[in-house]
Amino acid sequence: AIALISSGLGTLAFLLITQFKVPAYLGSSFAFIAP
């Protein structure tokens, strides 16, 4: 549930910082699983 909420909030933050110019979605990173 937190992964979903944080992906939503993170994507909104990304869109805001990139001045709503970059259509991208941010989800959980697999590179950090082991760490």
Full PDB file with SEQRES, HELIX, SHEET, SSBOND, CRYST1, ORIGX, SCALE, CONECT and MASTER records, all heavy atoms in Angstrom:
SEQRES   1 A   35  ALA ILE ALA LEU ILE SER SER GLY LEU GLY THR LEU ALA          
SEQRES   2 A   35  PHE LEU LEU ILE THR GLN PHE LYS VAL PRO ALA TYR LEU          
SEQRES   3 A   35  GLY SER SER PHE ALA PHE ILE ALA PRO                          
HELIX    1 AA1 ILE A    2  ILE A   17  1                                  16    
CRYST1    1.000    1.000    1.000  90.00  90.00  90.00 P 1           1          
ORIGX1      1.000000  0.000000  0.000000        0.00000                         
ORIGX2      0.000000  1.000000  0.000000        0.00000                         
ORIGX3      0.000000  0.000000  1.000000        0.00000                         
SCALE1      1.000000  0.000000  0.000000        0.00000                         
SCALE2      0.000000  1.000000  0.000000        0.00000                         
SCALE3      0.000000  0.000000  1.000000        0.00000                         
ATOM      1  N   ALA A   1       0.834  -1.205   0.000  1.00  0.00           N  
ATOM      2  CA  ALA A   1       0.000   0.000   0.000  1.00  0.00           C  
ATOM      3  C   ALA A   1       0.869   1.256   0.000  1.00  0.00           C  
ATOM      4  O   ALA A   1       0.608   2.216  -0.738  1.00  0.00           O  
ATOM      5  CB  ALA A   1      -0.928   0.000   1.214  1.00  0.00           C  
ATOM      6  N   ILE A   2       1.905   1.256   0.826  1.00  0.00           N  
ATOM      7  CA  ILE A   2       2.815   2.410   0.883  1.00  0.00           C  
ATOM      8  C   ILE A   2       3.581   2.544  -0.427  1.00  0.00           C  
ATOM      9  O   ILE A   2       3.867   3.656  -0.886  1.00  0.00           O  
ATOM     10  CB  ILE A   2       3.794   2.287   2.068  1.00  0.00           C  
ATOM     11  CG1 ILE A   2       3.033   2.169   3.387  1.00  0.00           C  
ATOM     12  CG2 ILE A   2       4.734   3.488   2.110  1.00  0.00           C  
ATOM     13  CD1 ILE A   2       2.139   3.338   3.691  1.00  0.00           C  
ATOM     14  N   ALA A   3       3.910   1.410  -1.050  1.00  0.00           N  
ATOM     15  CA  ALA A   3       4.599   1.463  -2.346  1.00  0.00           C  
ATOM     16  C   ALA A   3       3.732   2.160  -3.382  1.00  0.00           C  
ATOM     17  O   ALA A   3       4.227   2.956  -4.196  1.00  0.00           O  
ATOM     18  CB  ALA A   3       4.956   0.051  -2.814  1.00  0.00           C  
ATOM     19  N   LEU A   4       2.429   1.871  -3.377  1.00  0.00           N  
ATOM     20  CA  LEU A   4       1.511   2.525  -4.314  1.00  0.00           C  
ATOM     21  C   LEU A   4       1.397   4.017  -4.018  1.00  0.00           C  
ATOM     22  O   LEU A   4       1.487   4.860  -4.920  1.00  0.00           O  
ATOM     23  CB  LEU A   4       0.130   1.874  -4.238  1.00  0.00           C  
ATOM     24  CG  LEU A   4      -0.017   0.481  -4.861  1.00  0.00           C  
ATOM     25  CD1 LEU A   4      -1.401  -0.085  -4.564  1.00  0.00           C  
ATOM     26  CD2 LEU A   4       0.210   0.537  -6.364  1.00  0.00           C  
ATOM     27  N   ILE A   5       1.207   4.349  -2.736  1.00  0.00           N  
ATOM     28  CA  ILE A   5       1.053   5.762  -2.351  1.00  0.00           C  
ATOM     29  C   ILE A   5       2.324   6.543  -2.679  1.00  0.00           C  
ATOM     30  O   ILE A   5       2.267   7.647  -3.246  1.00  0.00           O  
ATOM     31  CB  ILE A   5       0.723   5.875  -0.850  1.00  0.00           C  
ATOM     32  CG1 ILE A   5      -0.676   5.297  -0.569  1.00  0.00           C  
ATOM     33  CG2 ILE A   5       0.792   7.335  -0.382  1.00  0.00           C  
ATOM     34  CD1 ILE A   5      -0.973   5.115   0.903  1.00  0.00           C  
ATOM     35  N   SER A   6       3.485   5.968  -2.336  1.00  0.00           N  
ATOM     36  CA  SER A   6       4.746   6.679  -2.582  1.00  0.00           C  
ATOM     37  C   SER A   6       5.044   6.805  -4.070  1.00  0.00           C  
ATOM     38  O   SER A   6       5.639   7.799  -4.506  1.00  0.00           O  
ATOM     39  CB  SER A   6       5.902   5.977  -1.858  1.00  0.00           C  
ATOM     40  OG  SER A   6       6.045   4.642  -2.307  1.00  0.00           O  
ATOM     41  N   SER A   7       4.602   5.830  -4.873  1.00  0.00           N  
ATOM     42  CA  SER A   7       4.808   5.948  -6.323  1.00  0.00           C  
ATOM     43  C   SER A   7       3.947   7.074  -6.885  1.00  0.00           C  
ATOM     44  O   SER A   7       4.384   7.826  -7.763  1.00  0.00           O  
ATOM     45  CB  SER A   7       4.495   4.623  -7.027  1.00  0.00           C  
ATOM     46  OG  SER A   7       3.110   4.398  -7.129  1.00  0.00           O  
ATOM     47  N   GLY A   8       2.712   7.188  -6.364  1.00  0.00           N  
ATOM     48  CA  GLY A   8       1.837   8.274  -6.811  1.00  0.00           C  
ATOM     49  C   GLY A   8       2.365   9.646  -6.419  1.00  0.00           C  
ATOM     50  O   GLY A   8       2.476  10.551  -7.258  1.00  0.00           O  
ATOM     51  N   LEU A   9       2.736   9.788  -5.146  1.00  0.00           N  
ATOM     52  CA  LEU A   9       3.259  11.074  -4.668  1.00  0.00           C  
ATOM     53  C   LEU A   9       4.592  11.401  -5.331  1.00  0.00           C  
ATOM     54  O   LEU A   9       4.860  12.556  -5.686  1.00  0.00           O  
ATOM     55  CB  LEU A   9       3.436  11.031  -3.141  1.00  0.00           C  
ATOM     56  CG  LEU A   9       2.156  10.867  -2.307  1.00  0.00           C  
ATOM     57  CD1 LEU A   9       2.494  10.778  -0.821  1.00  0.00           C  
ATOM     58  CD2 LEU A   9       1.188  12.028  -2.563  1.00  0.00           C  
ATOM     59  N   GLY A  10       5.427  10.378  -5.523  1.00  0.00           N  
ATOM     60  CA  GLY A  10       6.722  10.583  -6.164  1.00  0.00           C  
ATOM     61  C   GLY A  10       6.581  11.031  -7.609  1.00  0.00           C  
ATOM     62  O   GLY A  10       7.322  11.899  -8.085  1.00  0.00           O  
ATOM     63  N   THR A  11       5.620  10.431  -8.323  1.00  0.00           N  
ATOM     64  CA  THR A  11       5.382  10.818  -9.720  1.00  0.00           C  
ATOM     65  C   THR A  11       4.888  12.256  -9.807  1.00  0.00           C  
ATOM     66  O   THR A  11       5.332  13.024 -10.676  1.00  0.00           O  
ATOM     67  CB  THR A  11       4.359   9.866 -10.371  1.00  0.00           C  
ATOM     68  OG1 THR A  11       4.900   8.537 -10.360  1.00  0.00           O  
ATOM     69  CG2 THR A  11       4.061  10.283 -11.802  1.00  0.00           C  
ATOM     70  N   LEU A  12       3.986  12.642  -8.915  1.00  0.00           N  
ATOM     71  CA  LEU A  12       3.493  14.031  -8.906  1.00  0.00           C  
ATOM     72  C   LEU A  12       4.631  15.007  -8.623  1.00  0.00           C  
ATOM     73  O   LEU A  12       4.709  16.079  -9.242  1.00  0.00           O  
ATOM     74  CB  LEU A  12       2.376  14.182  -7.869  1.00  0.00           C  
ATOM     75  CG  LEU A  12       1.070  13.437  -8.188  1.00  0.00           C  
ATOM     76  CD1 LEU A  12       0.108  13.528  -7.005  1.00  0.00           C  
ATOM     77  CD2 LEU A  12       0.403  14.012  -9.446  1.00  0.00           C  
ATOM     78  N   ALA A  13       5.519  14.650  -7.688  1.00  0.00           N  
ATOM     79  CA  ALA A  13       6.680  15.499  -7.392  1.00  0.00           C  
ATOM     80  C   ALA A  13       7.599  15.604  -8.610  1.00  0.00           C  
ATOM     81  O   ALA A  13       8.099  16.688  -8.939  1.00  0.00           O  
ATOM     82  CB  ALA A  13       7.448  14.941  -6.196  1.00  0.00           C  
ATOM     83  N   PHE A  14       7.808  14.473  -9.292  1.00  0.00           N  
ATOM     84  CA  PHE A  14       8.648  14.457 -10.499  1.00  0.00           C  
ATOM     85  C   PHE A  14       8.066  15.373 -11.572  1.00  0.00           C  
ATOM     86  O   PHE A  14       8.793  16.168 -12.193  1.00  0.00           O  
ATOM     87  CB  PHE A  14       8.747  13.020 -11.020  1.00  0.00           C  
ATOM     88  CG  PHE A  14       9.540  12.887 -12.298  1.00  0.00           C  
ATOM     89  CD1 PHE A  14      10.906  12.686 -12.269  1.00  0.00           C  
ATOM     90  CD2 PHE A  14       8.914  12.955 -13.537  1.00  0.00           C  
ATOM     91  CE1 PHE A  14      11.643  12.564 -13.444  1.00  0.00           C  
ATOM     92  CE2 PHE A  14       9.627  12.832 -14.719  1.00  0.00           C  
ATOM     93  CZ  PHE A  14      11.001  12.639 -14.669  1.00  0.00           C  
ATOM     94  N   LEU A  15       6.759  15.272 -11.809  1.00  0.00           N  
ATOM     95  CA  LEU A  15       6.114  16.113 -12.826  1.00  0.00           C  
ATOM     96  C   LEU A  15       6.252  17.590 -12.479  1.00  0.00           C  
ATOM     97  O   LEU A  15       6.486  18.431 -13.350  1.00  0.00           O  
ATOM     98  CB  LEU A  15       4.633  15.730 -12.957  1.00  0.00           C  
ATOM     99  CG  LEU A  15       4.346  14.334 -13.531  1.00  0.00           C  
ATOM    100  CD1 LEU A  15       2.856  14.028 -13.450  1.00  0.00           C  
ATOM    101  CD2 LEU A  15       4.828  14.217 -14.969  1.00  0.00           C  
ATOM    102  N   LEU A  16       6.107  17.915 -11.194  1.00  0.00           N  
ATOM    103  CA  LEU A  16       6.228  19.305 -10.749  1.00  0.00           C  
ATOM    104  C   LEU A  16       7.650  19.829 -10.962  1.00  0.00           C  
ATOM    105  O   LEU A  16       7.844  20.924 -11.500  1.00  0.00           O  
ATOM    106  CB  LEU A  16       5.842  19.397  -9.273  1.00  0.00           C  
ATOM    107  CG  LEU A  16       5.862  20.795  -8.644  1.00  0.00           C  
ATOM    108  CD1 LEU A  16       4.809  21.693  -9.300  1.00  0.00           C  
ATOM    109  CD2 LEU A  16       5.613  20.715  -7.142  1.00  0.00           C  
ATOM    110  N   ILE A  17       8.645  19.040 -10.579  1.00  0.00           N  
ATOM    111  CA  ILE A  17      10.046  19.474 -10.689  1.00  0.00           C  
ATOM    112  C   ILE A  17      10.475  19.600 -12.148  1.00  0.00           C  
ATOM    113  O   ILE A  17      11.267  20.476 -12.499  1.00  0.00           O  
ATOM    114  CB  ILE A  17      10.960  18.505  -9.914  1.00  0.00           C  
ATOM    115  CG1 ILE A  17      10.718  18.673  -8.413  1.00  0.00           C  
ATOM    116  CG2 ILE A  17      12.434  18.736 -10.241  1.00  0.00           C  
ATOM    117  CD1 ILE A  17      11.362  17.618  -7.550  1.00  0.00           C  
ATOM    118  N   THR A  18       9.945  18.731 -13.014  1.00  0.00           N  
ATOM    119  CA  THR A  18      10.292  18.802 -14.441  1.00  0.00           C  
ATOM    120  C   THR A  18       9.365  19.756 -15.205  1.00  0.00           C  
ATOM    121  O   THR A  18       9.294  19.709 -16.426  1.00  0.00           O  
ATOM    122  CB  THR A  18      10.238  17.405 -15.087  1.00  0.00           C  
ATOM    123  OG1 THR A  18       8.947  16.822 -14.877  1.00  0.00           O  
ATOM    124  CG2 THR A  18      11.300  16.500 -14.506  1.00  0.00           C  
ATOM    125  N   GLN A  19       8.668  20.606 -14.476  1.00  0.00           N  
ATOM    126  CA  GLN A  19       7.825  21.669 -15.047  1.00  0.00           C  
ATOM    127  C   GLN A  19       6.712  21.104 -15.949  1.00  0.00           C  
ATOM    128  O   GLN A  19       6.316  21.731 -16.909  1.00  0.00           O  
ATOM    129  CB  GLN A  19       8.697  22.659 -15.834  1.00  0.00           C  
ATOM    130  CG  GLN A  19       9.784  23.299 -14.985  1.00  0.00           C  
ATOM    131  CD  GLN A  19      10.760  24.131 -15.797  1.00  0.00           C  
ATOM    132  OE1 GLN A  19      11.068  23.815 -16.952  1.00  0.00           O  
ATOM    133  NE2 GLN A  19      11.260  25.208 -15.207  1.00  0.00           N  
ATOM    134  N   PHE A  20       6.236  19.897 -15.608  1.00  0.00           N  
ATOM    135  CA  PHE A  20       5.163  19.229 -16.361  1.00  0.00           C  
ATOM    136  C   PHE A  20       5.508  19.105 -17.858  1.00  0.00           C  
ATOM    137  O   PHE A  20       4.646  19.222 -18.714  1.00  0.00           O  
ATOM    138  CB  PHE A  20       3.830  19.959 -16.161  1.00  0.00           C  
ATOM    139  CG  PHE A  20       3.311  19.854 -14.758  1.00  0.00           C  
ATOM    140  CD1 PHE A  20       3.594  20.842 -13.816  1.00  0.00           C  
ATOM    141  CD2 PHE A  20       2.570  18.751 -14.367  1.00  0.00           C  
ATOM    142  CE1 PHE A  20       3.136  20.734 -12.512  1.00  0.00           C  
ATOM    143  CE2 PHE A  20       2.106  18.634 -13.060  1.00  0.00           C  
ATOM    144  CZ  PHE A  20       2.383  19.622 -12.128  1.00  0.00           C  
ATOM    145  N   LYS A  21       6.798  18.845 -18.115  1.00  0.00           N  
ATOM    146  CA  LYS A  21       7.250  18.674 -19.502  1.00  0.00           C  
ATOM    147  C   LYS A  21       7.592  17.221 -19.834  1.00  0.00           C  
ATOM    148  O   LYS A  21       7.643  16.856 -21.003  1.00  0.00           O  
ATOM    149  CB  LYS A  21       8.489  19.547 -19.757  1.00  0.00           C  
ATOM    150  CG  LYS A  21       8.210  21.051 -19.729  1.00  0.00           C  
ATOM    151  CD  LYS A  21       9.485  21.838 -19.985  1.00  0.00           C  
ATOM    152  CE  LYS A  21       9.213  23.333 -19.990  1.00  0.00           C  
ATOM    153  NZ  LYS A  21      10.456  24.122 -20.238  1.00  0.00           N  
ATOM    154  N   VAL A  22       7.830  16.391 -18.800  1.00  0.00           N  
ATOM    155  CA  VAL A  22       8.308  15.018 -19.023  1.00  0.00           C  
ATOM    156  C   VAL A  22       7.228  14.020 -18.595  1.00  0.00           C  
ATOM    157  O   VAL A  22       6.972  13.858 -17.399  1.00  0.00           O  
ATOM    158  CB  VAL A  22       9.602  14.744 -18.237  1.00  0.00           C  
ATOM    159  CG1 VAL A  22      10.119  13.340 -18.545  1.00  0.00           C  
ATOM    160  CG2 VAL A  22      10.661  15.792 -18.553  1.00  0.00           C  
ATOM    161  N   PRO A  23       6.584  13.323 -19.538  1.00  0.00           N  
ATOM    162  CA  PRO A  23       5.550  12.347 -19.185  1.00  0.00           C  
ATOM    163  C   PRO A  23       6.157  11.020 -18.741  1.00  0.00           C  
ATOM    164  O   PRO A  23       6.431  10.131 -19.549  1.00  0.00           O  
ATOM    165  CB  PRO A  23       4.759  12.188 -20.491  1.00  0.00           C  
ATOM    166  CG  PRO A  23       5.764  12.464 -21.569  1.00  0.00           C  
ATOM    167  CD  PRO A  23       6.735  13.466 -20.997  1.00  0.00           C  
ATOM    168  N   ALA A  24       6.423  10.893 -17.452  1.00  0.00           N  
ATOM    169  CA  ALA A  24       7.044   9.674 -16.929  1.00  0.00           C  
ATOM    170  C   ALA A  24       6.327   9.242 -15.662  1.00  0.00           C  
ATOM    171  O   ALA A  24       5.747  10.075 -14.948  1.00  0.00           O  
ATOM    172  CB  ALA A  24       8.526   9.913 -16.641  1.00  0.00           C  
ATOM    173  N   TYR A  25       6.372   7.932 -15.387  1.00  0.00           N  
ATOM    174  CA  TYR A  25       5.809   7.408 -14.141  1.00  0.00           C  
ATOM    175  C   TYR A  25       6.932   6.753 -13.345  1.00  0.00           C  
ATOM    176  O   TYR A  25       7.778   6.053 -13.899  1.00  0.00           O  
ATOM    177  CB  TYR A  25       4.697   6.383 -14.399  1.00  0.00           C  
ATOM    178  CG  TYR A  25       3.903   6.102 -13.142  1.00  0.00           C  
ATOM    179  CD1 TYR A  25       2.747   6.813 -12.874  1.00  0.00           C  
ATOM    180  CD2 TYR A  25       4.349   5.183 -12.198  1.00  0.00           C  
ATOM    181  CE1 TYR A  25       2.042   6.607 -11.695  1.00  0.00           C  
ATOM    182  CE2 TYR A  25       3.659   4.977 -11.015  1.00  0.00           C  
ATOM    183  CZ  TYR A  25       2.508   5.688 -10.776  1.00  0.00           C  
ATOM    184  OH  TYR A  25       1.826   5.501  -9.598  1.00  0.00           O  
ATOM    185  N   LEU A  26       6.926   6.975 -12.027  1.00  0.00           N  
ATOM    186  CA  LEU A  26       7.966   6.432 -11.161  1.00  0.00           C  
ATOM    187  C   LEU A  26       7.404   5.339 -10.265  1.00  0.00           C  
ATOM    188  O   LEU A  26       6.417   5.554  -9.548  1.00  0.00           O  
ATOM    189  CB  LEU A  26       8.589   7.538 -10.297  1.00  0.00           C  
ATOM    190  CG  LEU A  26       9.632   8.419 -10.988  1.00  0.00           C  
ATOM    191  CD1 LEU A  26       8.980   9.374 -11.990  1.00  0.00           C  
ATOM    192  CD2 LEU A  26      10.434   9.217  -9.980  1.00  0.00           C  
ATOM    193  N   GLY A  27       8.027   4.151 -10.345  1.00  0.00           N  
ATOM    194  CA  GLY A  27       7.613   3.028  -9.522  1.00  0.00           C  
ATOM    195  C   GLY A  27       8.777   2.491  -8.707  1.00  0.00           C  
ATOM    196  O   GLY A  27       9.859   3.080  -8.670  1.00  0.00           O  
ATOM    197  N   SER A  28       8.576   1.352  -8.060  1.00  0.00           N  
ATOM    198  CA  SER A  28       9.593   0.754  -7.189  1.00  0.00           C  
ATOM    199  C   SER A  28      10.800   0.285  -7.995  1.00  0.00           C  
ATOM    200  O   SER A  28      10.660  -0.322  -9.043  1.00  0.00           O  
ATOM    201  CB  SER A  28       8.994  -0.429  -6.433  1.00  0.00           C  
ATOM    202  OG  SER A  28       7.815  -0.054  -5.743  1.00  0.00           O  
ATOM    203  N   SER A  29      12.000   0.550  -7.468  1.00  0.00           N  
ATOM    204  CA  SER A  29      13.240   0.207  -8.159  1.00  0.00           C  
ATOM    205  C   SER A  29      13.723  -1.197  -7.782  1.00  0.00           C  
ATOM    206  O   SER A  29      13.853  -1.523  -6.597  1.00  0.00           O  
ATOM    207  CB  SER A  29      14.335   1.218  -7.818  1.00  0.00           C  
ATOM    208  OG  SER A  29      15.583   0.794  -8.311  1.00  0.00           O  
ATOM    209  N   PHE A  30      14.020  -2.024  -8.799  1.00  0.00           N  
ATOM    210  CA  PHE A  30      14.531  -3.372  -8.554  1.00  0.00           C  
ATOM    211  C   PHE A  30      16.005  -3.363  -8.187  1.00  0.00           C  
ATOM    212  O   PHE A  30      16.495  -4.303  -7.556  1.00  0.00           O  
ATOM    213  CB  PHE A  30      14.304  -4.250  -9.786  1.00  0.00           C  
ATOM    214  CG  PHE A  30      12.888  -4.723  -9.920  1.00  0.00           C  
ATOM    215  CD1 PHE A  30      11.944  -3.938 -10.552  1.00  0.00           C  
ATOM    216  CD2 PHE A  30      12.503  -5.944  -9.398  1.00  0.00           C  
ATOM    217  CE1 PHE A  30      10.632  -4.358 -10.659  1.00  0.00           C  
ATOM    218  CE2 PHE A  30      11.196  -6.373  -9.503  1.00  0.00           C  
ATOM    219  CZ  PHE A  30      10.255  -5.582 -10.135  1.00  0.00           C  
ATOM    220  N   ALA A  31      16.726  -2.325  -8.565  1.00  0.00           N  
ATOM    221  CA  ALA A  31      18.169  -2.275  -8.293  1.00  0.00           C  
ATOM    222  C   ALA A  31      18.451  -2.250  -6.795  1.00  0.00           C  
ATOM    223  O   ALA A  31      19.520  -2.680  -6.356  1.00  0.00           O  
ATOM    224  CB  ALA A  31      18.778  -1.044  -8.958  1.00  0.00           C  
ATOM    225  N   PHE A  32      17.484  -1.771  -6.002  1.00  0.00           N  
ATOM    226  CA  PHE A  32      17.716  -1.616  -4.564  1.00  0.00           C  
ATOM    227  C   PHE A  32      17.194  -2.792  -3.742  1.00  0.00           C  
ATOM    228  O   PHE A  32      17.225  -2.731  -2.507  1.00  0.00           O  
ATOM    229  CB  PHE A  32      17.056  -0.324  -4.069  1.00  0.00           C  
ATOM    230  CG  PHE A  32      17.810   0.929  -4.418  1.00  0.00           C  
ATOM    231  CD1 PHE A  32      17.500   1.632  -5.575  1.00  0.00           C  
ATOM    232  CD2 PHE A  32      18.829   1.401  -3.614  1.00  0.00           C  
ATOM    233  CE1 PHE A  32      18.195   2.791  -5.910  1.00  0.00           C  
ATOM    234  CE2 PHE A  32      19.529   2.555  -3.931  1.00  0.00           C  
ATOM    235  CZ  PHE A  32      19.213   3.256  -5.090  1.00  0.00           C  
ATOM    236  N   ILE A  33      16.703  -3.860  -4.387  1.00  0.00           N  
ATOM    237  CA  ILE A  33      16.121  -4.969  -3.618  1.00  0.00           C  
ATOM    238  C   ILE A  33      17.134  -5.566  -2.643  1.00  0.00           C  
ATOM    239  O   ILE A  33      16.887  -5.651  -1.433  1.00  0.00           O  
ATOM    240  CB  ILE A  33      15.570  -6.062  -4.560  1.00  0.00           C  
ATOM    241  CG1 ILE A  33      14.335  -5.546  -5.299  1.00  0.00           C  
ATOM    242  CG2 ILE A  33      15.216  -7.317  -3.764  1.00  0.00           C  
ATOM    243  CD1 ILE A  33      13.799  -6.510  -6.346  1.00  0.00           C  
ATOM    244  N   ALA A  34      18.278  -5.996  -3.169  1.00  0.00           N  
ATOM    245  CA  ALA A  34      19.297  -6.613  -2.310  1.00  0.00           C  
ATOM    246  C   ALA A  34      19.813  -5.645  -1.234  1.00  0.00           C  
ATOM    247  O   ALA A  34      19.916  -6.026  -0.056  1.00  0.00           O  
ATOM    248  CB  ALA A  34      20.442  -7.161  -3.149  1.00  0.00           C  
ATOM    249  N   PRO A  35      20.143  -4.383  -1.569  1.00  0.00           N  
ATOM    250  CA  PRO A  35      20.590  -3.454  -0.529  1.00  0.00           C  
ATOM    251  C   PRO A  35      19.540  -3.184   0.550  1.00  0.00           C  
ATOM    252  O   PRO A  35      19.878  -3.078   1.729  1.00  0.00           O  
ATOM    253  CB  PRO A  35      20.900  -2.173  -1.319  1.00  0.00           C  
ATOM    254  CG  PRO A  35      21.200  -2.633  -2.688  1.00  0.00           C  
ATOM    255  CD  PRO A  35      20.317  -3.805  -2.921  1.00  0.00           C  
TER     256      PRO A  35                                                      
MASTER        0    0    0    1    0    0    0    6  255    1    0    3          
END                                                                             
